[in-house]
N, C-alpha and C. Protein backbone atom coordinates (compact mmCIF):
# COMPACT_ATOMS: atom_id res chain seq x y z
N MET A 1 0.84 -1.20 0.00
CA MET A 1 0.00 0.00 0.00
C MET A 1 0.87 1.25 0.00
N MET A 2 0.41 2.28 -0.65
CA MET A 2 1.16 3.51 -0.73
C MET A 2 1.10 4.27 0.59
N GLU A 3 1.93 5.28 0.73
CA GLU A 3 1.96 6.12 1.92
C GLU A 3 0.57 6.63 2.25
N GLU A 4 0.10 6.37 3.47
CA GLU A 4 -1.27 6.71 3.83
C GLU A 4 -1.47 8.19 4.11
N ASN A 5 -0.40 8.91 4.40
CA ASN A 5 -0.54 10.30 4.80
C ASN A 5 -0.35 11.29 3.65
N ARG A 6 0.14 10.81 2.51
CA ARG A 6 0.32 11.67 1.34
C ARG A 6 0.00 10.83 0.11
N TYR A 7 -1.02 11.21 -0.65
CA TYR A 7 -1.33 10.47 -1.87
C TYR A 7 -2.16 11.33 -2.81
N ARG A 8 -2.27 10.88 -4.06
CA ARG A 8 -2.98 11.62 -5.09
C ARG A 8 -4.48 11.40 -4.97
N VAL A 9 -5.24 12.48 -5.16
CA VAL A 9 -6.71 12.40 -5.16
C VAL A 9 -7.22 13.24 -6.33
N PRO A 10 -8.44 12.95 -6.81
CA PRO A 10 -8.99 13.76 -7.91
C PRO A 10 -9.25 15.20 -7.44
N THR A 11 -9.05 16.14 -8.35
CA THR A 11 -9.35 17.54 -8.00
C THR A 11 -10.78 17.93 -8.37
N ARG A 12 -11.37 17.21 -9.34
CA ARG A 12 -12.72 17.56 -9.79
C ARG A 12 -13.30 16.40 -10.59
N LEU A 13 -14.56 16.55 -10.98
CA LEU A 13 -15.20 15.55 -11.82
C LEU A 13 -14.51 15.51 -13.19
N HIS A 14 -14.39 14.29 -13.73
CA HIS A 14 -13.71 14.09 -15.01
C HIS A 14 -14.48 13.04 -15.80
N ARG A 15 -14.67 13.28 -17.10
CA ARG A 15 -15.49 12.36 -17.90
C ARG A 15 -14.83 12.08 -19.25
N VAL A 16 -14.88 10.81 -19.66
CA VAL A 16 -14.42 10.40 -20.99
C VAL A 16 -15.48 9.50 -21.59
N GLU A 17 -15.46 9.36 -22.91
CA GLU A 17 -16.47 8.56 -23.59
C GLU A 17 -15.83 7.79 -24.73
N GLN A 18 -16.32 6.58 -24.96
CA GLN A 18 -15.84 5.80 -26.09
C GLN A 18 -16.93 4.86 -26.57
N GLU A 19 -16.78 4.37 -27.80
CA GLU A 19 -17.72 3.41 -28.35
C GLU A 19 -16.99 2.10 -28.61
N LEU A 20 -17.57 1.01 -28.11
CA LEU A 20 -16.99 -0.31 -28.29
C LEU A 20 -18.08 -1.24 -28.81
N GLN A 21 -17.84 -1.83 -29.98
CA GLN A 21 -18.81 -2.76 -30.56
C GLN A 21 -20.23 -2.17 -30.57
N ARG A 22 -20.29 -0.90 -30.94
CA ARG A 22 -21.55 -0.15 -31.08
C ARG A 22 -22.20 0.22 -29.74
N SER A 23 -21.62 -0.22 -28.61
CA SER A 23 -22.12 0.23 -27.30
C SER A 23 -21.40 1.51 -26.91
N ARG A 24 -22.15 2.44 -26.34
CA ARG A 24 -21.58 3.72 -25.89
C ARG A 24 -21.25 3.62 -24.40
N PHE A 25 -19.99 3.89 -24.06
CA PHE A 25 -19.53 3.84 -22.67
C PHE A 25 -19.13 5.25 -22.24
N ILE A 26 -19.74 5.73 -21.16
CA ILE A 26 -19.42 7.05 -20.60
C ILE A 26 -18.84 6.83 -19.21
N THR A 27 -17.59 7.23 -19.03
CA THR A 27 -16.90 7.02 -17.76
C THR A 27 -16.79 8.35 -17.01
N THR A 28 -17.31 8.38 -15.80
CA THR A 28 -17.29 9.59 -14.98
C THR A 28 -16.59 9.30 -13.67
N LEU A 29 -15.55 10.06 -13.37
CA LEU A 29 -14.81 9.91 -12.10
C LEU A 29 -14.97 11.19 -11.28
N ALA A 30 -14.87 11.05 -9.96
CA ALA A 30 -15.03 12.21 -9.09
C ALA A 30 -14.33 11.97 -7.75
N PRO A 31 -14.03 13.05 -7.02
CA PRO A 31 -13.48 12.90 -5.67
C PRO A 31 -14.48 12.19 -4.77
N ALA A 32 -13.97 11.33 -3.88
CA ALA A 32 -14.83 10.61 -2.94
C ALA A 32 -14.11 10.49 -1.60
N PRO A 33 -14.02 11.60 -0.85
CA PRO A 33 -13.32 11.55 0.44
C PRO A 33 -14.06 10.76 1.52
N THR A 34 -15.36 10.51 1.33
CA THR A 34 -16.13 9.70 2.27
C THR A 34 -17.03 8.75 1.48
N VAL A 35 -17.49 7.69 2.14
CA VAL A 35 -18.41 6.76 1.50
C VAL A 35 -19.71 7.47 1.13
N GLU A 36 -20.17 8.36 1.99
CA GLU A 36 -21.41 9.10 1.72
C GLU A 36 -21.28 9.93 0.44
N GLU A 37 -20.14 10.60 0.27
CA GLU A 37 -19.95 11.42 -0.93
C GLU A 37 -19.81 10.54 -2.18
N ALA A 38 -19.21 9.37 -2.03
CA ALA A 38 -19.12 8.44 -3.16
C ALA A 38 -20.51 8.01 -3.59
N LYS A 39 -21.35 7.64 -2.64
CA LYS A 39 -22.70 7.17 -2.97
C LYS A 39 -23.56 8.31 -3.53
N SER A 40 -23.36 9.52 -3.02
CA SER A 40 -24.10 10.67 -3.54
C SER A 40 -23.73 10.93 -5.00
N PHE A 41 -22.44 10.84 -5.30
CA PHE A 41 -21.97 11.03 -6.69
C PHE A 41 -22.58 9.97 -7.60
N ILE A 42 -22.56 8.72 -7.16
CA ILE A 42 -23.13 7.63 -7.96
C ILE A 42 -24.61 7.90 -8.24
N SER A 43 -25.33 8.35 -7.24
CA SER A 43 -26.76 8.64 -7.41
C SER A 43 -26.97 9.76 -8.43
N ARG A 44 -26.11 10.79 -8.39
CA ARG A 44 -26.25 11.90 -9.33
C ARG A 44 -26.04 11.44 -10.77
N VAL A 45 -25.05 10.57 -10.98
CA VAL A 45 -24.80 10.08 -12.34
C VAL A 45 -25.96 9.20 -12.81
N ARG A 46 -26.49 8.38 -11.94
CA ARG A 46 -27.63 7.55 -12.31
C ARG A 46 -28.83 8.41 -12.70
N GLU A 47 -29.01 9.52 -11.98
CA GLU A 47 -30.10 10.43 -12.31
C GLU A 47 -29.85 11.15 -13.63
N GLU A 48 -28.57 11.38 -13.94
CA GLU A 48 -28.22 12.06 -15.19
C GLU A 48 -28.47 11.17 -16.41
N PHE A 49 -28.28 9.85 -16.23
CA PHE A 49 -28.46 8.90 -17.34
C PHE A 49 -29.49 7.83 -16.96
N PRO A 50 -30.75 8.23 -16.70
CA PRO A 50 -31.75 7.26 -16.25
C PRO A 50 -32.15 6.25 -17.32
N ASP A 51 -31.90 6.60 -18.59
CA ASP A 51 -32.30 5.73 -19.68
C ASP A 51 -31.19 4.79 -20.12
N ALA A 52 -30.04 4.82 -19.45
CA ALA A 52 -28.93 3.94 -19.81
C ALA A 52 -29.28 2.49 -19.45
N ASN A 53 -28.68 1.56 -20.17
CA ASN A 53 -28.89 0.15 -19.84
C ASN A 53 -28.23 -0.22 -18.51
N HIS A 54 -27.07 0.40 -18.25
CA HIS A 54 -26.34 0.09 -17.01
C HIS A 54 -25.59 1.33 -16.53
N ASN A 55 -25.56 1.53 -15.23
CA ASN A 55 -24.69 2.51 -14.58
C ASN A 55 -23.87 1.75 -13.53
N CYS A 56 -22.81 1.13 -13.98
CA CYS A 56 -21.96 0.33 -13.10
C CYS A 56 -21.00 1.25 -12.35
N TRP A 57 -20.64 0.86 -11.13
CA TRP A 57 -19.82 1.78 -10.35
C TRP A 57 -18.85 1.06 -9.41
N ALA A 58 -17.89 1.85 -8.95
CA ALA A 58 -16.92 1.38 -7.94
C ALA A 58 -16.35 2.61 -7.25
N TYR A 59 -15.89 2.42 -6.03
CA TYR A 59 -15.23 3.52 -5.31
C TYR A 59 -14.20 2.99 -4.33
N VAL A 60 -13.21 3.83 -4.05
CA VAL A 60 -12.19 3.55 -3.04
C VAL A 60 -12.04 4.80 -2.19
N VAL A 61 -12.40 4.70 -0.92
CA VAL A 61 -12.21 5.81 0.02
C VAL A 61 -10.97 5.49 0.85
N GLY A 62 -9.99 6.36 0.82
CA GLY A 62 -8.74 6.12 1.52
C GLY A 62 -7.58 6.10 0.53
N PRO A 63 -6.39 5.70 0.99
CA PRO A 63 -5.21 5.70 0.13
C PRO A 63 -5.35 4.74 -1.04
N PRO A 64 -4.59 4.96 -2.12
CA PRO A 64 -4.62 4.04 -3.26
C PRO A 64 -4.32 2.61 -2.82
N GLY A 65 -5.13 1.68 -3.31
CA GLY A 65 -4.91 0.27 -3.00
C GLY A 65 -5.58 -0.21 -1.73
N SER A 66 -6.17 0.69 -0.95
CA SER A 66 -6.81 0.27 0.30
C SER A 66 -8.22 -0.25 0.01
N THR A 67 -8.61 -1.30 0.73
CA THR A 67 -9.91 -1.92 0.48
C THR A 67 -10.84 -1.81 1.68
N GLY A 68 -10.43 -1.08 2.72
CA GLY A 68 -11.26 -0.98 3.93
C GLY A 68 -12.60 -0.30 3.68
N GLN A 69 -12.62 0.69 2.77
CA GLN A 69 -13.85 1.38 2.42
C GLN A 69 -13.96 1.42 0.90
N ALA A 70 -14.39 0.30 0.36
CA ALA A 70 -14.51 0.18 -1.09
C ALA A 70 -15.86 -0.45 -1.42
N GLY A 71 -16.36 -0.15 -2.61
CA GLY A 71 -17.64 -0.71 -3.03
C GLY A 71 -17.69 -0.85 -4.54
N MET A 72 -18.66 -1.65 -5.03
CA MET A 72 -18.76 -1.88 -6.47
C MET A 72 -20.14 -2.42 -6.78
N SER A 73 -20.56 -2.30 -8.05
CA SER A 73 -21.83 -2.84 -8.51
C SER A 73 -21.78 -3.13 -10.00
N ASP A 74 -22.32 -4.30 -10.40
CA ASP A 74 -22.44 -4.65 -11.81
C ASP A 74 -23.67 -4.00 -12.45
N ASP A 75 -24.60 -3.54 -11.63
CA ASP A 75 -25.84 -2.89 -12.10
C ASP A 75 -26.47 -3.61 -13.29
N GLY A 76 -26.67 -4.91 -13.13
CA GLY A 76 -27.38 -5.66 -14.16
C GLY A 76 -26.52 -6.35 -15.19
N GLU A 77 -25.24 -5.98 -15.28
CA GLU A 77 -24.35 -6.73 -16.17
C GLU A 77 -24.10 -8.12 -15.54
N PRO A 78 -23.67 -9.12 -16.31
CA PRO A 78 -23.38 -10.43 -15.74
C PRO A 78 -22.42 -10.32 -14.55
N HIS A 79 -22.66 -11.13 -13.54
CA HIS A 79 -21.91 -11.04 -12.29
C HIS A 79 -20.40 -11.09 -12.53
N GLY A 80 -19.69 -10.11 -11.95
CA GLY A 80 -18.24 -10.08 -12.01
C GLY A 80 -17.65 -9.48 -13.28
N THR A 81 -18.50 -8.96 -14.16
CA THR A 81 -17.98 -8.45 -15.44
C THR A 81 -17.79 -6.93 -15.46
N ALA A 82 -18.29 -6.23 -14.44
CA ALA A 82 -18.21 -4.76 -14.47
C ALA A 82 -17.65 -4.21 -13.16
N GLY A 83 -18.41 -4.37 -12.07
CA GLY A 83 -17.99 -3.77 -10.80
C GLY A 83 -16.62 -4.23 -10.33
N ARG A 84 -16.39 -5.56 -10.35
CA ARG A 84 -15.10 -6.08 -9.88
C ARG A 84 -13.93 -5.60 -10.73
N PRO A 85 -13.98 -5.71 -12.06
CA PRO A 85 -12.85 -5.17 -12.84
C PRO A 85 -12.69 -3.66 -12.71
N MET A 86 -13.78 -2.93 -12.53
CA MET A 86 -13.67 -1.49 -12.31
C MET A 86 -12.95 -1.20 -11.01
N LEU A 87 -13.32 -1.92 -9.95
CA LEU A 87 -12.68 -1.72 -8.65
C LEU A 87 -11.20 -2.09 -8.72
N THR A 88 -10.90 -3.19 -9.40
CA THR A 88 -9.50 -3.60 -9.54
C THR A 88 -8.68 -2.53 -10.25
N ALA A 89 -9.26 -1.93 -11.29
CA ALA A 89 -8.56 -0.86 -12.00
C ALA A 89 -8.33 0.35 -11.10
N LEU A 90 -9.32 0.67 -10.26
CA LEU A 90 -9.15 1.77 -9.31
C LEU A 90 -8.04 1.46 -8.31
N LEU A 91 -8.04 0.24 -7.77
CA LEU A 91 -7.07 -0.13 -6.74
C LEU A 91 -5.63 -0.08 -7.27
N HIS A 92 -5.47 -0.26 -8.57
CA HIS A 92 -4.13 -0.22 -9.16
C HIS A 92 -3.86 1.08 -9.91
N GLY A 93 -4.73 2.08 -9.72
CA GLY A 93 -4.61 3.31 -10.48
C GLY A 93 -3.77 4.39 -9.85
N GLY A 94 -3.31 4.18 -8.61
CA GLY A 94 -2.45 5.17 -7.97
C GLY A 94 -3.16 6.40 -7.45
N VAL A 95 -4.49 6.34 -7.36
CA VAL A 95 -5.28 7.48 -6.88
C VAL A 95 -6.20 6.99 -5.76
N GLY A 96 -6.33 7.80 -4.72
CA GLY A 96 -7.22 7.46 -3.61
C GLY A 96 -8.42 8.38 -3.57
N ASP A 97 -9.35 8.08 -2.65
CA ASP A 97 -10.56 8.90 -2.48
C ASP A 97 -11.23 9.18 -3.82
N VAL A 98 -11.56 8.11 -4.55
CA VAL A 98 -12.07 8.26 -5.91
C VAL A 98 -13.25 7.34 -6.15
N ALA A 99 -14.22 7.81 -6.91
CA ALA A 99 -15.38 7.02 -7.31
C ALA A 99 -15.53 7.11 -8.82
N VAL A 100 -16.07 6.04 -9.41
CA VAL A 100 -16.25 6.02 -10.86
C VAL A 100 -17.57 5.34 -11.21
N VAL A 101 -18.24 5.89 -12.19
CA VAL A 101 -19.44 5.28 -12.78
C VAL A 101 -19.19 5.11 -14.27
N VAL A 102 -19.40 3.90 -14.76
CA VAL A 102 -19.35 3.66 -16.21
C VAL A 102 -20.77 3.42 -16.68
N THR A 103 -21.26 4.34 -17.48
CA THR A 103 -22.61 4.28 -18.03
C THR A 103 -22.56 3.61 -19.41
N ARG A 104 -23.43 2.62 -19.61
CA ARG A 104 -23.42 1.91 -20.89
C ARG A 104 -24.78 1.99 -21.57
N TYR A 105 -24.74 2.41 -22.82
CA TYR A 105 -25.90 2.33 -23.70
C TYR A 105 -25.63 1.17 -24.68
N PHE A 106 -26.38 0.10 -24.54
CA PHE A 106 -26.16 -1.12 -25.32
C PHE A 106 -26.41 -0.86 -26.80
N GLY A 107 -25.46 -1.31 -27.63
CA GLY A 107 -25.56 -1.05 -29.07
C GLY A 107 -26.04 -2.22 -29.89
N GLY A 108 -26.39 -3.33 -29.23
CA GLY A 108 -26.94 -4.46 -29.96
C GLY A 108 -25.98 -5.60 -30.19
N THR A 109 -24.69 -5.39 -29.89
CA THR A 109 -23.70 -6.45 -30.07
C THR A 109 -23.26 -6.97 -28.71
N LEU A 110 -23.43 -8.26 -28.47
CA LEU A 110 -23.01 -8.86 -27.20
C LEU A 110 -21.49 -8.95 -27.14
N LEU A 111 -20.92 -8.55 -26.02
CA LEU A 111 -19.47 -8.54 -25.88
C LEU A 111 -18.95 -9.83 -25.25
N GLY A 112 -19.82 -10.58 -24.59
CA GLY A 112 -19.35 -11.75 -23.86
C GLY A 112 -18.70 -11.34 -22.56
N LYS A 113 -18.55 -12.29 -21.64
CA LYS A 113 -18.01 -11.95 -20.32
C LYS A 113 -16.60 -11.38 -20.40
N GLY A 114 -15.74 -12.03 -21.18
CA GLY A 114 -14.37 -11.52 -21.32
C GLY A 114 -14.33 -10.14 -21.94
N GLY A 115 -15.18 -9.92 -22.94
CA GLY A 115 -15.23 -8.61 -23.58
C GLY A 115 -15.72 -7.52 -22.64
N LEU A 116 -16.69 -7.88 -21.79
CA LEU A 116 -17.20 -6.90 -20.82
C LEU A 116 -16.13 -6.54 -19.79
N VAL A 117 -15.42 -7.55 -19.30
CA VAL A 117 -14.35 -7.29 -18.33
C VAL A 117 -13.31 -6.35 -18.94
N ARG A 118 -12.92 -6.63 -20.17
CA ARG A 118 -11.92 -5.77 -20.83
C ARG A 118 -12.47 -4.37 -21.06
N ALA A 119 -13.73 -4.28 -21.42
CA ALA A 119 -14.33 -2.97 -21.70
C ALA A 119 -14.40 -2.11 -20.44
N TYR A 120 -14.91 -2.68 -19.36
CA TYR A 120 -15.05 -1.89 -18.14
C TYR A 120 -13.70 -1.57 -17.51
N THR A 121 -12.77 -2.51 -17.59
CA THR A 121 -11.41 -2.22 -17.11
C THR A 121 -10.80 -1.08 -17.91
N GLY A 122 -10.92 -1.18 -19.22
CA GLY A 122 -10.33 -0.16 -20.09
C GLY A 122 -10.95 1.21 -19.90
N CYS A 123 -12.27 1.24 -19.65
CA CYS A 123 -12.93 2.53 -19.43
C CYS A 123 -12.34 3.24 -18.21
N VAL A 124 -12.17 2.50 -17.12
CA VAL A 124 -11.62 3.12 -15.91
C VAL A 124 -10.17 3.53 -16.12
N GLN A 125 -9.40 2.67 -16.76
CA GLN A 125 -7.99 3.02 -17.02
C GLN A 125 -7.88 4.25 -17.90
N GLN A 126 -8.74 4.35 -18.90
CA GLN A 126 -8.73 5.53 -19.77
C GLN A 126 -9.11 6.78 -18.98
N GLY A 127 -10.10 6.66 -18.10
CA GLY A 127 -10.50 7.80 -17.28
C GLY A 127 -9.40 8.26 -16.34
N LEU A 128 -8.69 7.29 -15.76
CA LEU A 128 -7.62 7.63 -14.82
C LEU A 128 -6.42 8.26 -15.52
N GLU A 129 -6.23 7.93 -16.79
CA GLU A 129 -5.04 8.38 -17.52
C GLU A 129 -4.92 9.89 -17.54
N HIS A 130 -6.04 10.58 -17.69
CA HIS A 130 -6.00 12.05 -17.77
C HIS A 130 -6.77 12.71 -16.62
N LEU A 131 -6.99 11.96 -15.57
CA LEU A 131 -7.70 12.50 -14.41
C LEU A 131 -6.87 13.57 -13.72
N PRO A 132 -7.39 14.80 -13.56
CA PRO A 132 -6.64 15.82 -12.83
C PRO A 132 -6.60 15.48 -11.35
N THR A 133 -5.40 15.50 -10.77
CA THR A 133 -5.24 15.13 -9.36
C THR A 133 -4.41 16.17 -8.62
N THR A 134 -4.48 16.06 -7.31
CA THR A 134 -3.64 16.87 -6.43
C THR A 134 -3.19 15.98 -5.29
N GLU A 135 -2.20 16.43 -4.54
CA GLU A 135 -1.72 15.63 -3.41
C GLU A 135 -2.55 15.92 -2.17
N ARG A 136 -3.05 14.87 -1.56
CA ARG A 136 -3.74 14.99 -0.27
C ARG A 136 -2.71 14.75 0.82
N VAL A 137 -2.60 15.69 1.73
CA VAL A 137 -1.64 15.59 2.82
C VAL A 137 -2.40 15.57 4.14
N ARG A 138 -2.33 14.48 4.86
CA ARG A 138 -2.99 14.40 6.15
C ARG A 138 -2.18 15.21 7.16
N LYS A 139 -2.88 16.12 7.85
CA LYS A 139 -2.20 17.03 8.76
C LYS A 139 -2.64 16.82 10.21
N VAL A 140 -1.84 17.38 11.10
CA VAL A 140 -2.16 17.35 12.53
C VAL A 140 -2.02 18.77 13.06
N ARG A 141 -2.86 19.12 14.01
CA ARG A 141 -2.78 20.45 14.62
C ARG A 141 -2.03 20.38 15.95
N LEU A 142 -1.23 21.39 16.19
CA LEU A 142 -0.43 21.47 17.41
C LEU A 142 -0.71 22.76 18.16
N ALA A 143 -0.69 22.67 19.47
CA ALA A 143 -0.70 23.86 20.33
C ALA A 143 0.67 23.94 20.98
N ILE A 144 1.31 25.11 20.88
CA ILE A 144 2.67 25.30 21.38
C ILE A 144 2.71 26.52 22.29
N GLU A 145 3.44 26.40 23.37
CA GLU A 145 3.67 27.55 24.26
C GLU A 145 5.17 27.63 24.55
N LEU A 146 5.76 28.81 24.27
CA LEU A 146 7.20 28.95 24.46
C LEU A 146 7.56 30.38 24.87
N GLU A 147 8.83 30.59 25.15
CA GLU A 147 9.31 31.90 25.58
C GLU A 147 9.52 32.81 24.37
N TYR A 148 9.48 34.13 24.63
CA TYR A 148 9.66 35.10 23.56
C TYR A 148 11.00 34.93 22.84
N ALA A 149 12.02 34.51 23.56
CA ALA A 149 13.35 34.39 22.97
C ALA A 149 13.40 33.35 21.85
N SER A 150 12.43 32.44 21.83
CA SER A 150 12.44 31.38 20.81
C SER A 150 11.54 31.67 19.62
N VAL A 151 10.85 32.82 19.64
CA VAL A 151 9.86 33.10 18.60
C VAL A 151 10.49 33.18 17.21
N ASP A 152 11.57 33.92 17.06
CA ASP A 152 12.18 34.07 15.74
C ASP A 152 12.66 32.73 15.20
N GLY A 153 13.25 31.94 16.07
CA GLY A 153 13.73 30.62 15.66
C GLY A 153 12.59 29.72 15.20
N LEU A 154 11.48 29.78 15.93
CA LEU A 154 10.31 28.98 15.55
C LEU A 154 9.81 29.39 14.17
N ARG A 155 9.70 30.68 13.94
CA ARG A 155 9.18 31.15 12.65
C ARG A 155 10.09 30.71 11.49
N ARG A 156 11.37 30.67 11.72
CA ARG A 156 12.30 30.22 10.67
C ARG A 156 12.13 28.72 10.40
N MET A 157 11.68 27.99 11.42
CA MET A 157 11.51 26.54 11.28
C MET A 157 10.28 26.16 10.45
N LEU A 158 9.28 27.02 10.43
CA LEU A 158 7.99 26.63 9.86
C LEU A 158 8.07 26.15 8.41
N PRO A 159 8.72 26.89 7.49
CA PRO A 159 8.75 26.41 6.10
C PRO A 159 9.46 25.06 5.94
N THR A 160 10.52 24.85 6.71
CA THR A 160 11.28 23.61 6.62
C THR A 160 10.41 22.39 6.91
N HIS A 161 9.47 22.55 7.83
CA HIS A 161 8.62 21.43 8.25
C HIS A 161 7.21 21.52 7.65
N GLU A 162 7.04 22.37 6.63
CA GLU A 162 5.75 22.53 5.95
C GLU A 162 4.64 22.89 6.94
N ALA A 163 4.99 23.67 7.96
CA ALA A 163 4.03 24.02 9.01
C ALA A 163 3.31 25.32 8.67
N GLU A 164 2.03 25.33 8.98
CA GLU A 164 1.19 26.51 8.73
C GLU A 164 0.78 27.12 10.07
N LEU A 165 0.99 28.43 10.21
CA LEU A 165 0.60 29.14 11.43
C LEU A 165 -0.89 29.44 11.39
N LEU A 166 -1.64 28.90 12.35
CA LEU A 166 -3.09 29.07 12.38
C LEU A 166 -3.51 30.22 13.28
N SER A 167 -2.84 30.37 14.43
CA SER A 167 -3.18 31.45 15.35
C SER A 167 -2.00 31.70 16.29
N GLU A 168 -1.99 32.88 16.89
CA GLU A 168 -0.94 33.22 17.86
C GLU A 168 -1.52 34.08 18.96
N GLU A 169 -0.97 33.93 20.15
CA GLU A 169 -1.47 34.66 21.32
C GLU A 169 -0.27 35.05 22.19
N TYR A 170 -0.21 36.36 22.53
CA TYR A 170 0.92 36.87 23.29
C TYR A 170 0.48 37.24 24.70
N ALA A 171 1.17 36.65 25.68
CA ALA A 171 0.91 36.94 27.10
C ALA A 171 2.27 36.86 27.81
N ALA A 172 2.33 36.23 28.96
CA ALA A 172 3.61 36.05 29.64
C ALA A 172 4.53 35.17 28.78
N THR A 173 3.91 34.24 28.04
CA THR A 173 4.62 33.45 27.04
C THR A 173 3.86 33.60 25.71
N VAL A 174 4.37 32.96 24.67
CA VAL A 174 3.72 33.05 23.37
C VAL A 174 3.06 31.71 23.04
N GLY A 175 1.81 31.77 22.63
CA GLY A 175 1.09 30.55 22.27
C GLY A 175 0.79 30.53 20.79
N TYR A 176 0.99 29.39 20.17
CA TYR A 176 0.71 29.23 18.74
C TYR A 176 -0.15 27.99 18.52
N GLN A 177 -0.95 28.03 17.48
CA GLN A 177 -1.53 26.82 16.92
C GLN A 177 -1.01 26.67 15.51
N LEU A 178 -0.54 25.46 15.20
CA LEU A 178 0.04 25.18 13.90
C LEU A 178 -0.62 23.95 13.29
N ALA A 179 -0.51 23.83 11.97
CA ALA A 179 -0.90 22.61 11.28
C ALA A 179 0.29 22.18 10.42
N LEU A 180 0.63 20.89 10.48
CA LEU A 180 1.72 20.39 9.66
C LEU A 180 1.45 18.93 9.30
N PRO A 181 2.08 18.44 8.22
CA PRO A 181 1.87 17.05 7.83
C PRO A 181 2.22 16.09 8.96
N VAL A 182 1.42 15.05 9.09
CA VAL A 182 1.67 14.04 10.13
C VAL A 182 3.09 13.51 10.03
N THR A 183 3.57 13.33 8.81
CA THR A 183 4.91 12.77 8.62
C THR A 183 6.02 13.70 9.10
N ARG A 184 5.70 14.97 9.34
CA ARG A 184 6.70 15.93 9.80
C ARG A 184 6.71 16.09 11.32
N LEU A 185 5.75 15.46 12.00
CA LEU A 185 5.54 15.74 13.42
C LEU A 185 6.77 15.45 14.27
N GLU A 186 7.34 14.28 14.15
CA GLU A 186 8.44 13.91 15.04
C GLU A 186 9.69 14.75 14.79
N GLY A 187 9.96 15.03 13.52
CA GLY A 187 11.10 15.88 13.21
C GLY A 187 10.92 17.29 13.75
N PHE A 188 9.69 17.79 13.64
CA PHE A 188 9.40 19.14 14.15
C PHE A 188 9.53 19.16 15.67
N ARG A 189 9.03 18.13 16.34
CA ARG A 189 9.10 18.07 17.80
C ARG A 189 10.56 18.08 18.26
N THR A 190 11.39 17.29 17.60
CA THR A 190 12.80 17.23 17.97
C THR A 190 13.49 18.58 17.75
N ALA A 191 13.21 19.22 16.60
CA ALA A 191 13.83 20.51 16.31
C ALA A 191 13.37 21.57 17.30
N LEU A 192 12.11 21.51 17.72
CA LEU A 192 11.58 22.49 18.65
C LEU A 192 12.20 22.33 20.03
N LEU A 193 12.40 21.09 20.45
CA LEU A 193 13.05 20.85 21.74
C LEU A 193 14.49 21.35 21.71
N ASP A 194 15.17 21.15 20.58
CA ASP A 194 16.55 21.64 20.45
C ASP A 194 16.58 23.17 20.49
N LEU A 195 15.65 23.79 19.78
CA LEU A 195 15.60 25.25 19.70
C LEU A 195 15.40 25.88 21.08
N THR A 196 14.53 25.28 21.87
CA THR A 196 14.14 25.89 23.15
C THR A 196 14.85 25.28 24.36
N ASN A 197 15.79 24.38 24.10
CA ASN A 197 16.44 23.65 25.19
C ASN A 197 15.41 22.97 26.10
N GLY A 198 14.35 22.47 25.47
CA GLY A 198 13.33 21.75 26.22
C GLY A 198 12.32 22.62 26.92
N GLN A 199 12.47 23.95 26.78
CA GLN A 199 11.55 24.88 27.47
C GLN A 199 10.36 25.21 26.58
N VAL A 200 9.53 24.22 26.32
CA VAL A 200 8.38 24.41 25.45
C VAL A 200 7.30 23.42 25.84
N LEU A 201 6.06 23.85 25.71
CA LEU A 201 4.91 22.96 25.88
C LEU A 201 4.32 22.69 24.50
N LEU A 202 4.14 21.42 24.17
CA LEU A 202 3.60 21.05 22.87
C LEU A 202 2.49 20.03 23.07
N GLU A 203 1.33 20.32 22.52
CA GLU A 203 0.19 19.41 22.62
C GLU A 203 -0.33 19.11 21.21
N VAL A 204 -0.52 17.84 20.94
CA VAL A 204 -1.07 17.42 19.66
C VAL A 204 -2.60 17.45 19.77
N LEU A 205 -3.22 18.24 18.92
CA LEU A 205 -4.67 18.35 18.91
C LEU A 205 -5.26 17.32 17.93
N ASP A 206 -6.54 17.38 17.72
CA ASP A 206 -7.17 16.41 16.81
C ASP A 206 -6.57 16.50 15.43
N PRO A 207 -6.33 15.36 14.77
CA PRO A 207 -5.80 15.40 13.40
C PRO A 207 -6.71 16.20 12.49
N GLU A 208 -6.11 16.90 11.57
CA GLU A 208 -6.83 17.74 10.60
C GLU A 208 -6.73 17.09 9.25
N GLU A 209 -7.88 16.77 8.62
CA GLU A 209 -7.86 16.09 7.33
C GLU A 209 -7.57 17.10 6.22
């Protein structure tokens, strides 16, 4: 499985279309950060193409290759010829938090089970090929309290650790809230202890998605 804290996700809805053996295949992919959003997207596509013979679908919520929150449907195609190959293509596509619907308008030529598997696999692979993506970085929020003498040093550290300053409060000491990638947490903690000679309070708040 790929790194769970940093991976590619779709940036927006993406659609491609092709004709195979006179059947029209419309492949629609979209971001799916939750199972609810995946199912909502699937429902919208089904409503968009209510007259299609099939609206087969699959989704993967989580990092690429993860199966903990995944789903699929043949939507009337022969068992195992649409949903399963679509899901397999998603799992090997290098993109997470993604849902896909392949809409089929039957053209009168039977493809056979092998032909259907190849068609639905190819539709998803074609859709993924030009899918616009961005990197999803799982972050954590920190609360920090330190002395004024360490403020400049802390600010210089922020870019190195990809840390974002969320808020600051000045009193007898200085309080900050920061957000930074989970993968940077331990390195940042060590650098902060070195900077302040251990004179710092650091609390990890709820993870920020």
